[in-house]
């Protein structure tokens, strides 16, 4: 069951990463912006580290899904004002494109 939990967590992070790659390509080549790309990848590193630590606490696939669903809800609930906007930086960058 642990392998399936890890595969689920990896698949969800792979989805975020593919969105990040598309965002990076459009930002660098179409809009010639590098700072938002660096900001997204720094946010993604933190996001993946925090979710990995949280997913390790559970032993089932449901735990991985609930963790990611909870973080998605949390990203939508956090207000868009400083300093809280830094917690949702990557999410806002993806939503803006």
PDB file of N, CA and C in Angstrom:
ATOM      1  N   UNK A   1       0.819  -1.195   0.000  1.00  0.00           N
ATOM      2  CA  UNK A   1       0.000   0.000   0.000  1.00  0.00           C
ATOM      3  C   UNK A   1       0.868   1.267   0.000  1.00  0.00           C
ATOM      4  N   UNK A   2       2.047   1.162   0.579  1.00  0.00           N
ATOM      5  CA  UNK A   2       2.926   2.322   0.643  1.00  0.00           C
ATOM      6  C   UNK A   2       3.402   2.739  -0.752  1.00  0.00           C
ATOM      7  N   UNK A   3       3.629   1.772  -1.622  1.00  0.00           N
ATOM      8  CA  UNK A   3       4.072   2.095  -2.984  1.00  0.00           C
ATOM      9  C   UNK A   3       2.980   2.828  -3.753  1.00  0.00           C
ATOM     10  N   UNK A   4       1.743   2.417  -3.562  1.00  0.00           N
ATOM     11  CA  UNK A   4       0.635   3.085  -4.236  1.00  0.00           C
ATOM     12  C   UNK A   4       0.449   4.507  -3.707  1.00  0.00           C
ATOM     13  N   UNK A   5       0.654   4.688  -2.397  1.00  0.00           N
ATOM     14  CA  UNK A   5       0.583   6.032  -1.801  1.00  0.00           C
ATOM     15  C   UNK A   5       1.656   6.926  -2.408  1.00  0.00           C
ATOM     16  N   UNK A   6       2.880   6.403  -2.512  1.00  0.00           N
ATOM     17  CA  UNK A   6       3.978   7.187  -3.083  1.00  0.00           C
ATOM     18  C   UNK A   6       3.748   7.479  -4.559  1.00  0.00           C
ATOM     19  N   UNK A   7       3.197   6.517  -5.282  1.00  0.00           N
ATOM     20  CA  UNK A   7       2.907   6.724  -6.705  1.00  0.00           C
ATOM     21  C   UNK A   7       1.830   7.790  -6.885  1.00  0.00           C
ATOM     22  N   UNK A   8       0.830   7.792  -6.021  1.00  0.00           N
ATOM     23  CA  UNK A   8      -0.220   8.806  -6.083  1.00  0.00           C
ATOM     24  C   UNK A   8       0.359  10.190  -5.796  1.00  0.00           C
ATOM     25  N   UNK A   9       1.177  10.274  -4.767  1.00  0.00           N
ATOM     26  CA  UNK A   9       1.817  11.551  -4.417  1.00  0.00           C
ATOM     27  C   UNK A   9       2.701  12.028  -5.569  1.00  0.00           C
ATOM     28  N   UNK A  10       3.465  11.117  -6.157  1.00  0.00           N
ATOM     29  CA  UNK A  10       4.332  11.466  -7.283  1.00  0.00           C
ATOM     30  C   UNK A  10       3.519  11.926  -8.484  1.00  0.00           C
ATOM     31  N   UNK A  11       2.396  11.274  -8.759  1.00  0.00           N
ATOM     32  CA  UNK A  11       1.554  11.652  -9.903  1.00  0.00           C
ATOM     33  C   UNK A  11       0.980  13.054  -9.716  1.00  0.00           C
ATOM     34  N   UNK A  12       0.577  13.377  -8.504  1.00  0.00           N
ATOM     35  CA  UNK A  12       0.025  14.711  -8.248  1.00  0.00           C
ATOM     36  C   UNK A  12       1.121  15.769  -8.382  1.00  0.00           C
ATOM     37  N   UNK A  13       2.308  15.485  -7.838  1.00  0.00           N
ATOM     38  CA  UNK A  13       3.414  16.427  -7.986  1.00  0.00           C
ATOM     39  C   UNK A  13       3.862  16.538  -9.439  1.00  0.00           C
ATOM     40  N   UNK A  14       3.770  15.459 -10.181  1.00  0.00           N
ATOM     41  CA  UNK A  14       4.097  15.484 -11.611  1.00  0.00           C
ATOM     42  C   UNK A  14       3.119  16.370 -12.384  1.00  0.00           C
ATOM     43  N   UNK A  15       1.853  16.354 -11.979  1.00  0.00           N
ATOM     44  CA  UNK A  15       0.862  17.230 -12.599  1.00  0.00           C
ATOM     45  C   UNK A  15       1.221  18.699 -12.346  1.00  0.00           C
ATOM     46  N   UNK A  16       1.546  19.041 -11.089  1.00  0.00           N
ATOM     47  CA  UNK A  16       1.955  20.412 -10.759  1.00  0.00           C
ATOM     48  C   UNK A  16       3.210  20.783 -11.545  1.00  0.00           C
ATOM     49  N   UNK A  17       4.150  19.832 -11.655  1.00  0.00           N
ATOM     50  CA  UNK A  17       5.390  20.107 -12.371  1.00  0.00           C
ATOM     51  C   UNK A  17       5.146  20.337 -13.857  1.00  0.00           C
ATOM     52  N   UNK A  18       4.236  19.578 -14.444  1.00  0.00           N
ATOM     53  CA  UNK A  18       3.946  19.790 -15.872  1.00  0.00           C
ATOM     54  C   UNK A  18       3.302  21.151 -16.100  1.00  0.00           C
ATOM     55  N   UNK A  19       2.427  21.575 -15.179  1.00  0.00           N
ATOM     56  CA  UNK A  19       1.878  22.929 -15.282  1.00  0.00           C
ATOM     57  C   UNK A  19       2.980  23.974 -15.131  1.00  0.00           C
ATOM     58  N   UNK A  20       3.928  23.710 -14.256  1.00  0.00           N
ATOM     59  CA  UNK A  20       5.057  24.616 -14.068  1.00  0.00           C
ATOM     60  C   UNK A  20       5.954  24.703 -15.287  1.00  0.00           C
ATOM     61  N   UNK A  21       6.149  23.591 -15.958  1.00  0.00           N
ATOM     62  CA  UNK A  21       6.964  23.597 -17.175  1.00  0.00           C
ATOM     63  C   UNK A  21       6.278  24.410 -18.263  1.00  0.00           C
ATOM     64  N   UNK A  22       4.975  24.214 -18.414  1.00  0.00           N
ATOM     65  CA  UNK A  22       4.235  25.017 -19.402  1.00  0.00           C
ATOM     66  C   UNK A  22       4.292  26.499 -19.052  1.00  0.00           C
ATOM     67  N   UNK A  23       4.140  26.820 -17.767  1.00  0.00           N
ATOM     68  CA  UNK A  23       4.230  28.206 -17.309  1.00  0.00           C
ATOM     69  C   UNK A  23       5.620  28.778 -17.596  1.00  0.00           C
ATOM     70  N   UNK A  24       6.653  27.984 -17.324  1.00  0.00           N
ATOM     71  CA  UNK A  24       8.024  28.448 -17.538  1.00  0.00           C
ATOM     72  C   UNK A  24       8.297  28.715 -19.014  1.00  0.00           C
ATOM     73  N   UNK A  25       7.846  27.827 -19.858  1.00  0.00           N
ATOM     74  CA  UNK A  25       8.062  28.007 -21.297  1.00  0.00           C
ATOM     75  C   UNK A  25       7.349  29.254 -21.790  1.00  0.00           C
ATOM     76  N   UNK A  26       6.100  29.447 -21.371  1.00  0.00           N
ATOM     77  CA  UNK A  26       5.369  30.623 -21.837  1.00  0.00           C
ATOM     78  C   UNK A  26       5.950  31.908 -21.259  1.00  0.00           C
ATOM     79  N   UNK A  27       6.429  31.871 -20.029  1.00  0.00           N
ATOM     80  CA  UNK A  27       6.989  33.085 -19.427  1.00  0.00           C
ATOM     81  C   UNK A  27       8.317  33.468 -20.047  1.00  0.00           C
ATOM     82  N   UNK A  28       9.173  32.509 -20.247  1.00  0.00           N
ATOM     83  CA  UNK A  28      10.518  32.820 -20.732  1.00  0.00           C
ATOM     84  C   UNK A  28      10.506  33.149 -22.216  1.00  0.00           C
ATOM     85  N   UNK A  29       9.810  32.350 -23.012  1.00  0.00           N
ATOM     86  CA  UNK A  29       9.891  32.539 -24.456  1.00  0.00           C
ATOM     87  C   UNK A  29       8.868  33.526 -25.006  1.00  0.00           C
ATOM     88  N   UNK A  30       7.696  33.629 -24.403  1.00  0.00           N
ATOM     89  CA  UNK A  30       6.666  34.523 -24.935  1.00  0.00           C
ATOM     90  C   UNK A  30       6.697  35.893 -24.263  1.00  0.00           C
ATOM     91  N   UNK A  31       6.904  35.903 -22.951  1.00  0.00           N
ATOM     92  CA  UNK A  31       6.829  37.174 -22.218  1.00  0.00           C
ATOM     93  C   UNK A  31       8.192  37.685 -21.765  1.00  0.00           C
ATOM     94  N   UNK A  32       9.239  36.887 -21.927  1.00  0.00           N
ATOM     95  CA  UNK A  32      10.610  37.254 -21.564  1.00  0.00           C
ATOM     96  C   UNK A  32      10.720  37.656 -20.094  1.00  0.00           C
ATOM     97  N   UNK A  33      10.097  36.864 -19.231  1.00  0.00           N
ATOM     98  CA  UNK A  33      10.145  37.116 -17.795  1.00  0.00           C
ATOM     99  C   UNK A  33      10.810  35.933 -17.114  1.00  0.00           C
ATOM    100  N   UNK A  34      11.839  36.186 -16.301  1.00  0.00           N
ATOM    101  CA  UNK A  34      12.538  35.120 -15.610  1.00  0.00           C
ATOM    102  C   UNK A  34      12.227  35.088 -14.116  1.00  0.00           C
ATOM    103  N   UNK A  35      11.951  36.229 -13.511  1.00  0.00           N
ATOM    104  CA  UNK A  35      11.707  36.299 -12.069  1.00  0.00           C
ATOM    105  C   UNK A  35      10.464  35.498 -11.662  1.00  0.00           C
ATOM    106  N   UNK A  36       9.325  35.600 -12.365  1.00  0.00           N
ATOM    107  CA  UNK A  36       8.186  34.766 -11.974  1.00  0.00           C
ATOM    108  C   UNK A  36       8.462  33.266 -12.101  1.00  0.00           C
ATOM    109  N   UNK A  37       9.276  32.890 -13.065  1.00  0.00           N
ATOM    110  CA  UNK A  37       9.619  31.472 -13.232  1.00  0.00           C
ATOM    111  C   UNK A  37      10.432  30.986 -12.033  1.00  0.00           C
ATOM    112  N   UNK A  38      11.407  31.769 -11.628  1.00  0.00           N
ATOM    113  CA  UNK A  38      12.196  31.408 -10.455  1.00  0.00           C
ATOM    114  C   UNK A  38      11.331  31.378  -9.202  1.00  0.00           C
ATOM    115  N   UNK A  39      10.406  32.323  -9.097  1.00  0.00           N
ATOM    116  CA  UNK A  39       9.485  32.339  -7.963  1.00  0.00           C
ATOM    117  C   UNK A  39       8.606  31.103  -7.913  1.00  0.00           C
ATOM    118  N   UNK A  40       8.126  30.679  -9.089  1.00  0.00           N
ATOM    119  CA  UNK A  40       7.289  29.485  -9.111  1.00  0.00           C
ATOM    120  C   UNK A  40       8.066  28.262  -8.663  1.00  0.00           C
ATOM    121  N   UNK A  41       9.275  28.095  -9.199  1.00  0.00           N
ATOM    122  CA  UNK A  41      10.031  26.887  -8.867  1.00  0.00           C
ATOM    123  C   UNK A  41      10.479  26.884  -7.413  1.00  0.00           C
ATOM    124  N   UNK A  42      10.753  28.030  -6.834  1.00  0.00           N
ATOM    125  CA  UNK A  42      11.059  28.083  -5.400  1.00  0.00           C
ATOM    126  C   UNK A  42       9.819  27.713  -4.581  1.00  0.00           C
ATOM    127  N   UNK A  43       8.662  28.220  -5.001  1.00  0.00           N
ATOM    128  CA  UNK A  43       7.412  27.860  -4.328  1.00  0.00           C
ATOM    129  C   UNK A  43       7.146  26.370  -4.470  1.00  0.00           C
ATOM    130  N   UNK A  44       7.368  25.815  -5.651  1.00  0.00           N
ATOM    131  CA  UNK A  44       7.114  24.398  -5.882  1.00  0.00           C
ATOM    132  C   UNK A  44       8.024  23.524  -5.023  1.00  0.00           C
ATOM    133  N   UNK A  45       9.274  23.918  -4.855  1.00  0.00           N
ATOM    134  CA  UNK A  45      10.174  23.169  -3.983  1.00  0.00           C
ATOM    135  C   UNK A  45       9.636  23.120  -2.558  1.00  0.00           C
ATOM    136  N   UNK A  46       9.188  24.258  -2.058  1.00  0.00           N
ATOM    137  CA  UNK A  46       8.610  24.293  -0.712  1.00  0.00           C
ATOM    138  C   UNK A  46       7.324  23.499  -0.616  1.00  0.00           C
ATOM    139  N   UNK A  47       6.471  23.640  -1.623  1.00  0.00           N
ATOM    140  CA  UNK A  47       5.195  22.928  -1.644  1.00  0.00           C
ATOM    141  C   UNK A  47       5.412  21.419  -1.673  1.00  0.00           C
ATOM    142  N   UNK A  48       6.315  20.964  -2.525  1.00  0.00           N
ATOM    143  CA  UNK A  48       6.548  19.522  -2.612  1.00  0.00           C
ATOM    144  C   UNK A  48       7.196  18.990  -1.343  1.00  0.00           C
ATOM    145  N   UNK A  49       8.064  19.771  -0.715  1.00  0.00           N
ATOM    146  CA  UNK A  49       8.683  19.323   0.535  1.00  0.00           C
ATOM    147  C   UNK A  49       7.651  19.208   1.657  1.00  0.00           C
ATOM    148  N   UNK A  50       6.791  20.207   1.779  1.00  0.00           N
ATOM    149  CA  UNK A  50       5.778  20.178   2.839  1.00  0.00           C
ATOM    150  C   UNK A  50       4.777  19.055   2.614  1.00  0.00           C
ATOM    151  N   UNK A  51       4.321  18.878   1.381  1.00  0.00           N
ATOM    152  CA  UNK A  51       3.362  17.805   1.124  1.00  0.00           C
ATOM    153  C   UNK A  51       4.007  16.435   1.296  1.00  0.00           C
ATOM    154  N   UNK A  52       5.284  16.297   0.958  1.00  0.00           N
ATOM    155  CA  UNK A  52       5.962  15.018   1.155  1.00  0.00           C
ATOM    156  C   UNK A  52       6.046  14.672   2.635  1.00  0.00           C
ATOM    157  N   UNK A  53       6.378  15.652   3.460  1.00  0.00           N
ATOM    158  CA  UNK A  53       6.420  15.412   4.905  1.00  0.00           C
ATOM    159  C   UNK A  53       5.033  15.035   5.434  1.00  0.00           C
ATOM    160  N   UNK A  54       4.008  15.704   4.935  1.00  0.00           N
ATOM    161  CA  UNK A  54       2.648  15.392   5.382  1.00  0.00           C
ATOM    162  C   UNK A  54       2.191  14.011   4.914  1.00  0.00           C
ATOM    163  N   UNK A  55       2.514  13.655   3.685  1.00  0.00           N
ATOM    164  CA  UNK A  55       2.092  12.358   3.140  1.00  0.00           C
ATOM    165  C   UNK A  55       2.790  11.212   3.868  1.00  0.00           C
ATOM    166  N   UNK A  56       4.015  11.431   4.342  1.00  0.00           N
ATOM    167  CA  UNK A  56       4.733  10.388   5.082  1.00  0.00           C
ATOM    168  C   UNK A  56       4.022  10.008   6.377  1.00  0.00           C
ATOM    169  N   UNK A  57       3.179  10.892   6.877  1.00  0.00           N
ATOM    170  CA  UNK A  57       2.477  10.615   8.132  1.00  0.00           C
ATOM    171  C   UNK A  57       1.357   9.598   7.959  1.00  0.00           C
ATOM    172  N   UNK A  58       0.927   9.366   6.736  1.00  0.00           N
ATOM    173  CA  UNK A  58      -0.192   8.464   6.462  1.00  0.00           C
ATOM    174  C   UNK A  58       0.311   7.169   5.826  1.00  0.00           C
ATOM    175  N   UNK A  59      -0.526   6.134   5.912  1.00  0.00           N
ATOM    176  CA  UNK A  59      -0.144   4.838   5.361  1.00  0.00           C
ATOM    177  C   UNK A  59      -1.000   4.396   4.191  1.00  0.00           C
ATOM    178  N   UNK A  60      -1.892   5.242   3.728  1.00  0.00           N
ATOM    179  CA  UNK A  60      -2.788   4.815   2.657  1.00  0.00           C
ATOM    180  C   UNK A  60      -2.835   5.857   1.545  1.00  0.00           C
ATOM    181  N   UNK A  61      -3.403   5.440   0.432  1.00  0.00           N
ATOM    182  CA  UNK A  61      -3.573   6.328  -0.711  1.00  0.00           C
ATOM    183  C   UNK A  61      -4.522   7.466  -0.356  1.00  0.00           C
ATOM    184  N   UNK A  62      -5.518   7.150   0.450  1.00  0.00           N
ATOM    185  CA  UNK A  62      -6.491   8.172   0.863  1.00  0.00           C
ATOM    186  C   UNK A  62      -5.783   9.313   1.600  1.00  0.00           C
ATOM    187  N   UNK A  63      -4.788   8.995   2.395  1.00  0.00           N
ATOM    188  CA  UNK A  63      -4.029  10.027   3.097  1.00  0.00           C
ATOM    189  C   UNK A  63      -3.325  10.977   2.144  1.00  0.00           C
ATOM    190  N   UNK A  64      -2.748  10.429   1.071  1.00  0.00           N
ATOM    191  CA  UNK A  64      -2.074  11.275   0.080  1.00  0.00           C
ATOM    192  C   UNK A  64      -3.082  12.156  -0.642  1.00  0.00           C
ATOM    193  N   UNK A  65      -4.214  11.576  -1.008  1.00  0.00           N
ATOM    194  CA  UNK A  65      -5.244  12.359  -1.706  1.00  0.00           C
ATOM    195  C   UNK A  65      -5.832  13.440  -0.812  1.00  0.00           C
ATOM    196  N   UNK A  66      -6.090  13.101   0.445  1.00  0.00           N
ATOM    197  CA  UNK A  66      -6.650  14.087   1.381  1.00  0.00           C
ATOM    198  C   UNK A  66      -5.640  15.200   1.655  1.00  0.00           C
ATOM    199  N   UNK A  67      -4.370  14.839   1.751  1.00  0.00           N
ATOM    200  CA  UNK A  67      -3.336  15.861   1.969  1.00  0.00           C
ATOM    201  C   UNK A  67      -3.305  16.860   0.819  1.00  0.00           C
ATOM    202  N   UNK A  68      -3.291  16.373  -0.402  1.00  0.00           N
ATOM    203  CA  UNK A  68      -3.240  17.277  -1.549  1.00  0.00           C
ATOM    204  C   UNK A  68      -4.548  18.046  -1.722  1.00  0.00           C
ATOM    205  N   UNK A  69      -5.659  17.412  -1.463  1.00  0.00           N
ATOM    206  CA  UNK A  69      -6.935  18.128  -1.537  1.00  0.00           C
ATOM    207  C   UNK A  69      -7.003  19.209  -0.464  1.00  0.00           C
ATOM    208  N   UNK A  70      -6.504  18.901   0.721  1.00  0.00           N
ATOM    209  CA  UNK A  70      -6.481  19.892   1.792  1.00  0.00           C
ATOM    210  C   UNK A  70      -5.597  21.076   1.469  1.00  0.00           C
ATOM    211  N   UNK A  71      -4.444  20.810   0.880  1.00  0.00           N
ATOM    212  CA  UNK A  71      -3.562  21.906   0.492  1.00  0.00           C
ATOM    213  C   UNK A  71      -4.170  22.734  -0.637  1.00  0.00           C
ATOM    214  N   UNK A  72      -4.884  22.093  -1.546  1.00  0.00           N
ATOM    215  CA  UNK A  72      -5.546  22.843  -2.618  1.00  0.00           C
ATOM    216  C   UNK A  72      -6.622  23.765  -2.044  1.00  0.00           C
ATOM    217  N   UNK A  73      -7.405  23.264  -1.089  1.00  0.00           N
ATOM    218  CA  UNK A  73      -8.418  24.098  -0.437  1.00  0.00           C
ATOM    219  C   UNK A  73      -7.741  25.217   0.343  1.00  0.00           C
ATOM    220  N   UNK A  74      -6.661  24.890   1.034  1.00  0.00           N
ATOM    221  CA  UNK A  74      -5.933  25.897   1.803  1.00  0.00           C
ATOM    222  C   UNK A  74      -5.379  26.997   0.907  1.00  0.00           C
ATOM    223  N   UNK A  75      -4.882  26.637  -0.270  1.00  0.00           N
ATOM    224  CA  UNK A  75      -4.378  27.646  -1.204  1.00  0.00           C
ATOM    225  C   UNK A  75      -5.487  28.572  -1.683  1.00  0.00           C
ATOM    226  N   UNK A  76      -6.699  28.060  -1.771  1.00  0.00           N
ATOM    227  CA  UNK A  76      -7.817  28.898  -2.190  1.00  0.00           C
ATOM    228  C   UNK A  76      -8.356  29.761  -1.063  1.00  0.00           C
ATOM    229  N   UNK A  77      -8.131  29.360   0.176  1.00  0.00           N
ATOM    230  CA  UNK A  77      -8.673  30.095   1.325  1.00  0.00           C
ATOM    231  C   UNK A  77      -7.725  31.196   1.791  1.00  0.00           C
ATOM    232  N   UNK A  78      -6.428  31.003   1.599  1.00  0.00           N
ATOM    233  CA  UNK A  78      -5.434  31.995   2.046  1.00  0.00           C
ATOM    234  C   UNK A  78      -5.694  33.313   1.326  1.00  0.00           C
ATOM    235  N   UNK A  79      -5.754  34.428   2.071  1.00  0.00           N
ATOM    236  CA  UNK A  79      -6.003  35.729   1.417  1.00  0.00           C
ATOM    237  C   UNK A  79      -4.833  36.158   0.536  1.00  0.00           C
ATOM    238  N   UNK A  80      -5.152  37.002  -0.432  1.00  0.00           N
ATOM    239  CA  UNK A  80      -4.148  37.464  -1.398  1.00  0.00           C
ATOM    240  C   UNK A  80      -3.468  38.756  -0.945  1.00  0.00           C
ATOM    241  N   UNK A  81      -3.129  38.851   0.302  1.00  0.00           N
ATOM    242  CA  UNK A  81      -2.417  40.019   0.821  1.00  0.00           C
ATOM    243  C   UNK A  81      -1.110  39.540   1.440  1.00  0.00           C
ATOM    244  N   UNK A  82      -0.108  40.427   1.417  1.00  0.00           N
ATOM    245  CA  UNK A  82       1.171  40.077   2.037  1.00  0.00           C
ATOM    246  C   UNK A  82       0.983  39.919   3.527  1.00  0.00           C
ATOM    247  N   UNK A  83       1.627  39.061   4.167  1.00  0.00           N
ATOM    248  CA  UNK A  83       2.632  38.090   3.770  1.00  0.00           C
ATOM    249  C   UNK A  83       2.025  36.755   3.310  1.00  0.00           C
ATOM    250  N   UNK A  84       0.697  36.639   3.394  1.00  0.00           N
ATOM    251  CA  UNK A  84       0.051  35.370   3.048  1.00  0.00           C
ATOM    252  C   UNK A  84       0.147  35.058   1.553  1.00  0.00           C
ATOM    253  N   UNK A  85       0.254  36.076   0.724  1.00  0.00           N
ATOM    254  CA  UNK A  85       0.316  35.839  -0.718  1.00  0.00           C
ATOM    255  C   UNK A  85       1.573  35.077  -1.116  1.00  0.00           C
ATOM    256  N   UNK A  86       2.619  35.126  -0.294  1.00  0.00           N
ATOM    257  CA  UNK A  86       3.823  34.356  -0.593  1.00  0.00           C
ATOM    258  C   UNK A  86       3.571  32.858  -0.481  1.00  0.00           C
ATOM    259  N   UNK A  87       2.618  32.464   0.356  1.00  0.00           N
ATOM    260  CA  UNK A  87       2.286  31.046   0.495  1.00  0.00           C
ATOM    261  C   UNK A  87       1.558  30.506  -0.735  1.00  0.00           C
ATOM    262  N   UNK A  88       0.896  31.395  -1.456  1.00  0.00           N
ATOM    263  CA  UNK A  88       0.150  30.961  -2.636  1.00  0.00           C
ATOM    264  C   UNK A  88       0.736  31.512  -3.929  1.00  0.00           C
ATOM    265  N   UNK A  89       2.013  31.858  -3.903  1.00  0.00           N
ATOM    266  CA  UNK A  89       2.672  32.489  -5.046  1.00  0.00           C
ATOM    267  C   UNK A  89       2.590  31.637  -6.306  1.00  0.00           C
ATOM    268  N   UNK A  90       3.008  30.395  -6.232  1.00  0.00           N
ATOM    269  CA  UNK A  90       3.002  29.537  -7.413  1.00  0.00           C
ATOM    270  C   UNK A  90       1.612  29.277  -7.930  1.00  0.00           C
ATOM    271  N   UNK A  91       0.661  29.108  -7.021  1.00  0.00           N
ATOM    272  CA  UNK A  91      -0.724  28.879  -7.408  1.00  0.00           C
ATOM    273  C   UNK A  91      -1.277  30.099  -8.157  1.00  0.00           C
ATOM    274  N   UNK A  92      -0.986  31.280  -7.661  1.00  0.00           N
ATOM    275  CA  UNK A  92      -1.447  32.507  -8.328  1.00  0.00           C
ATOM    276  C   UNK A  92      -0.765  32.717  -9.678  1.00  0.00           C
ATOM    277  N   UNK A  93       0.531  32.377  -9.767  1.00  0.00           N
ATOM    278  CA  UNK A  93       1.221  32.507 -11.048  1.00  0.00           C
ATOM    279  C   UNK A  93       0.610  31.581 -12.097  1.00  0.00           C
ATOM    280  N   UNK A  94       0.284  30.353 -11.691  1.00  0.00           N
ATOM    281  CA  UNK A  94      -0.352  29.424 -12.631  1.00  0.00           C
ATOM    282  C   UNK A  94      -1.749  29.872 -13.004  1.00  0.00           C
ATOM    283  N   UNK A  95      -2.484  30.397 -12.047  1.00  0.00           N
ATOM    284  CA  UNK A  95      -3.864  30.839 -12.312  1.00  0.00           C
ATOM    285  C   UNK A  95      -3.883  32.074 -13.193  1.00  0.00           C
ATOM    286  N   UNK A  96      -2.818  32.896 -13.118  1.00  0.00           N
ATOM    287  CA  UNK A  96      -2.754  34.104 -13.923  1.00  0.00           C
ATOM    288  C   UNK A  96      -2.466  33.847 -15.378  1.00  0.00           C
ATOM    289  N   UNK A  97      -1.932  32.695 -15.700  1.00  0.00           N
ATOM    290  CA  UNK A  97      -1.601  32.369 -17.089  1.00  0.00           C
ATOM    291  C   UNK A  97      -2.609  31.404 -17.605  1.00  0.00           C
TER     292      UNK A  97
END
